[in-house]
Amino acid sequence: MSRIRFVALSLILTAASSGVSLAQQPCGTDRGFCQSFHYDFYRNKRWPTPFRAMDTTSVLSYFDVQRNNGWRLHNTLGTAMFDPNTHCLTESGRAHAHWIVKRAPQNRRVVFVLQGDSPEHTAKRIESVQLAVSEVVPVGPLPSIYLTNQDAPGSSGVYQTAIVRAMTTSVPAPRLPEGTAPTQ
């Protein structure tokens, strides 16, 4: 019995003095009983440290997806950014394309163009965006331009102005209720 204890103790001391954590080594199927015992012992002793990185990554990856989707919607030139008759960029669409190319973070300088009703309309939209982007970047590689089928949330400025004007004109004049005179 003392020989088994001696072997087990020597293996534990060897693993402890090597400086390598057995808890972070990958599992193998060809391990013997003693090695498996030490592996499980040190893995349980170090718990939850070996699993924190995986947990953190799984939680933060959700936010990365949301962040990328938000930038995609923000950099989308949608229906309101194109003239409905000519399918060319409006002034607001051109200004938004210029902002994406000049001021967006370097790794977010990608333009998404909403697909048109037909392939001809889509081609006109892409050509219009390429011309607007080439005004800002006359030499060198242009930022990537991708097609998307998801429109950016929002509406035209004309519509928003009409709503604000309707709200301000429909507010009644302030007045006090009848029979409540101020006391002196």
Protein backbone atom coordinates (compact mmCIF):
# COMPACT_ATOMS: atom_id res chain seq x y z
CA MET A 1 0.00 0.00 0.00
CA SER A 2 2.83 2.36 0.75
CA ARG A 3 4.30 1.81 -2.73
CA ILE A 4 1.07 3.03 -4.38
CA ARG A 5 1.00 6.10 -2.14
CA PHE A 6 4.64 6.78 -2.97
CA VAL A 7 3.95 6.59 -6.74
CA ALA A 8 0.87 8.77 -6.45
CA LEU A 9 2.69 11.34 -4.31
CA SER A 10 5.66 11.44 -6.67
CA LEU A 11 3.36 11.99 -9.66
CA ILE A 12 1.55 14.80 -7.87
CA LEU A 13 4.82 16.48 -6.91
CA THR A 14 6.17 16.10 -10.45
CA ALA A 15 3.08 17.71 -11.92
CA ALA A 16 3.10 20.49 -9.33
CA SER A 17 6.78 21.30 -9.88
CA SER A 18 6.51 21.35 -13.68
CA GLY A 19 4.64 24.68 -13.61
CA VAL A 20 2.10 23.53 -16.22
CA SER A 21 -1.46 23.40 -15.08
CA LEU A 22 -2.99 20.03 -15.79
CA ALA A 23 -6.41 21.64 -15.65
CA GLN A 24 -5.81 23.49 -18.90
CA GLN A 25 -4.35 20.60 -20.90
CA PRO A 26 -6.63 18.94 -23.42
CA CYS A 27 -8.19 15.62 -22.58
CA GLY A 28 -6.77 12.59 -24.32
CA THR A 29 -8.24 9.13 -24.61
CA ASP A 30 -4.93 7.30 -24.21
CA ARG A 31 -4.27 8.36 -20.59
CA GLY A 32 -3.68 5.86 -17.85
CA PHE A 33 -5.48 5.78 -14.53
CA CYS A 34 -2.85 7.80 -12.63
CA GLN A 35 -2.63 10.49 -15.29
CA SER A 36 -6.41 10.66 -15.52
CA PHE A 37 -6.65 10.93 -11.75
CA HIS A 38 -4.18 13.83 -11.65
CA TYR A 39 -5.81 15.53 -14.56
CA ASP A 40 -9.23 15.38 -12.90
CA PHE A 41 -7.83 16.39 -9.52
CA TYR A 42 -6.13 19.53 -10.82
CA ARG A 43 -9.03 20.39 -13.10
CA ASN A 44 -11.46 20.23 -10.17
CA LYS A 45 -9.04 22.16 -7.97
CA ARG A 46 -8.74 24.99 -10.52
CA TRP A 47 -12.48 25.19 -11.25
CA PRO A 48 -13.96 27.59 -12.50
CA THR A 49 -10.85 29.30 -13.87
CA PRO A 50 -10.41 27.11 -16.96
CA PHE A 51 -13.98 27.80 -18.03
CA ARG A 52 -14.16 31.56 -17.46
CA ALA A 53 -12.68 32.44 -20.84
CA MET A 54 -15.24 30.28 -22.66
CA ASP A 55 -18.10 31.77 -20.64
CA THR A 56 -16.91 35.33 -21.22
CA THR A 57 -16.54 34.73 -24.94
CA SER A 58 -20.00 33.22 -25.23
CA VAL A 59 -21.57 36.21 -23.47
CA LEU A 60 -19.63 38.88 -25.36
CA SER A 61 -20.13 37.27 -28.77
CA TYR A 62 -23.83 38.13 -28.50
CA PHE A 63 -22.95 41.81 -28.16
CA ASP A 64 -20.58 41.60 -31.13
CA VAL A 65 -23.42 40.34 -33.32
CA GLN A 66 -25.70 43.14 -32.11
CA ARG A 67 -22.97 45.75 -32.64
CA ASN A 68 -22.33 44.52 -36.19
CA ASN A 69 -26.06 44.53 -37.00
CA GLY A 70 -26.37 48.07 -35.65
CA TRP A 71 -23.51 49.33 -37.80
CA ARG A 72 -24.97 47.50 -40.79
CA LEU A 73 -28.32 49.27 -40.35
CA HIS A 74 -26.61 52.60 -39.72
CA ASN A 75 -24.52 52.29 -42.89
CA THR A 76 -27.46 51.22 -45.05
CA LEU A 77 -28.62 53.62 -47.73
CA GLY A 78 -32.33 52.82 -47.78
CA THR A 79 -35.44 53.88 -49.62
CA ALA A 80 -35.49 57.42 -48.26
CA MET A 81 -31.93 58.03 -49.51
CA PHE A 82 -32.80 57.49 -53.19
CA ASP A 83 -35.00 59.48 -55.55
CA PRO A 84 -38.02 57.29 -56.40
CA ASN A 85 -37.99 58.33 -60.08
CA THR A 86 -34.31 58.34 -61.03
CA HIS A 87 -33.00 55.93 -58.35
CA CYS A 88 -30.04 58.25 -57.77
CA LEU A 89 -28.90 59.39 -54.34
CA THR A 90 -30.65 62.39 -52.85
CA GLU A 91 -28.68 65.10 -51.05
CA SER A 92 -29.25 63.40 -47.71
CA GLY A 93 -28.15 60.07 -49.19
CA ARG A 94 -25.01 61.65 -50.61
CA ALA A 95 -24.26 63.29 -47.25
CA HIS A 96 -24.75 59.97 -45.45
CA ALA A 97 -22.45 58.16 -47.92
CA HIS A 98 -19.81 60.87 -47.41
CA TRP A 99 -20.11 60.51 -43.63
CA ILE A 100 -19.62 56.74 -43.87
CA VAL A 101 -16.51 57.14 -46.01
CA LYS A 102 -14.94 60.03 -44.08
CA ARG A 103 -15.99 59.82 -40.46
CA ALA A 104 -17.06 56.29 -39.59
CA PRO A 105 -14.46 54.24 -37.73
CA GLN A 106 -11.91 52.74 -40.11
CA ASN A 107 -13.13 49.18 -39.64
CA ARG A 108 -16.77 50.26 -40.20
CA ARG A 109 -16.36 52.05 -43.54
CA VAL A 110 -18.65 49.75 -45.49
CA VAL A 111 -21.69 50.97 -47.44
CA PHE A 112 -24.83 48.84 -47.69
CA VAL A 113 -27.29 49.62 -50.48
CA LEU A 114 -30.91 48.51 -50.33
CA GLN A 115 -31.92 46.48 -53.36
CA GLY A 116 -34.27 48.16 -55.79
CA ASP A 117 -37.54 46.86 -57.20
CA SER A 118 -35.76 45.47 -60.26
CA PRO A 119 -32.16 44.64 -61.24
CA GLU A 120 -32.02 47.84 -63.33
CA HIS A 121 -33.03 49.98 -60.35
CA THR A 122 -30.46 48.20 -58.18
CA ALA A 123 -27.73 48.79 -60.76
CA LYS A 124 -28.62 52.52 -60.89
CA ARG A 125 -28.48 52.72 -57.10
CA ILE A 126 -25.07 51.05 -56.92
CA GLU A 127 -23.70 53.27 -59.69
CA SER A 128 -24.98 56.37 -57.90
CA VAL A 129 -23.37 55.27 -54.62
CA GLN A 130 -20.06 54.48 -56.35
CA LEU A 131 -20.02 57.96 -57.88
CA ALA A 132 -20.75 59.57 -54.51
CA VAL A 133 -18.04 57.55 -52.79
CA SER A 134 -15.50 58.28 -55.54
CA GLU A 135 -16.05 62.02 -54.96
CA VAL A 136 -14.65 61.59 -51.47
CA VAL A 137 -11.94 59.03 -52.32
CA PRO A 138 -10.70 59.98 -55.82
CA VAL A 139 -7.53 57.85 -55.61
CA GLY A 140 -7.01 54.47 -54.02
CA PRO A 141 -9.27 51.61 -53.09
CA LEU A 142 -12.91 52.45 -52.47
CA PRO A 143 -14.75 51.18 -49.41
CA SER A 144 -16.74 48.03 -49.96
CA ILE A 145 -20.31 48.38 -51.21
CA TYR A 146 -22.73 45.53 -50.47
CA LEU A 147 -26.33 44.88 -51.37
CA THR A 148 -28.84 44.26 -48.62
CA ASN A 149 -32.52 43.47 -48.48
CA GLN A 150 -33.11 45.03 -45.06
CA ASP A 151 -34.07 48.68 -45.08
CA ALA A 152 -32.72 51.00 -42.42
CA PRO A 153 -35.31 52.18 -39.91
CA GLY A 154 -36.42 55.74 -40.40
CA SER A 155 -38.35 57.94 -42.79
CA SER A 156 -37.79 60.92 -45.03
CA GLY A 157 -37.18 64.39 -43.67
CA VAL A 158 -40.27 65.70 -45.46
CA TYR A 159 -42.44 63.23 -43.55
CA GLN A 160 -40.83 64.06 -40.20
CA THR A 161 -41.16 67.80 -40.83
CA ALA A 162 -44.86 67.36 -41.63
CA ILE A 163 -45.42 65.46 -38.37
CA VAL A 164 -43.62 68.08 -36.26
CA ARG A 165 -45.53 70.93 -37.92
CA ALA A 166 -48.87 69.13 -37.43
CA MET A 167 -48.09 68.60 -33.74
CA THR A 168 -47.11 72.22 -33.13
CA THR A 169 -50.12 73.66 -34.95
CA SER A 170 -52.63 71.39 -33.20
CA VAL A 171 -51.63 72.35 -29.64
CA PRO A 172 -54.43 74.42 -28.08
CA ALA A 173 -53.69 77.79 -26.54
CA PRO A 174 -53.16 77.57 -22.77
CA ARG A 175 -56.05 78.88 -20.65
CA LEU A 176 -57.27 78.57 -17.09
CA PRO A 177 -60.52 76.78 -16.30
CA GLU A 178 -63.62 78.94 -15.69
CA GLY A 179 -64.27 80.16 -12.14
CA THR A 180 -60.72 79.91 -10.83
CA ALA A 181 -59.56 83.43 -10.29
CA PRO A 182 -56.25 84.02 -8.61
CA THR A 183 -56.57 85.18 -4.98
CA GLN A 184 -54.73 88.17 -3.69
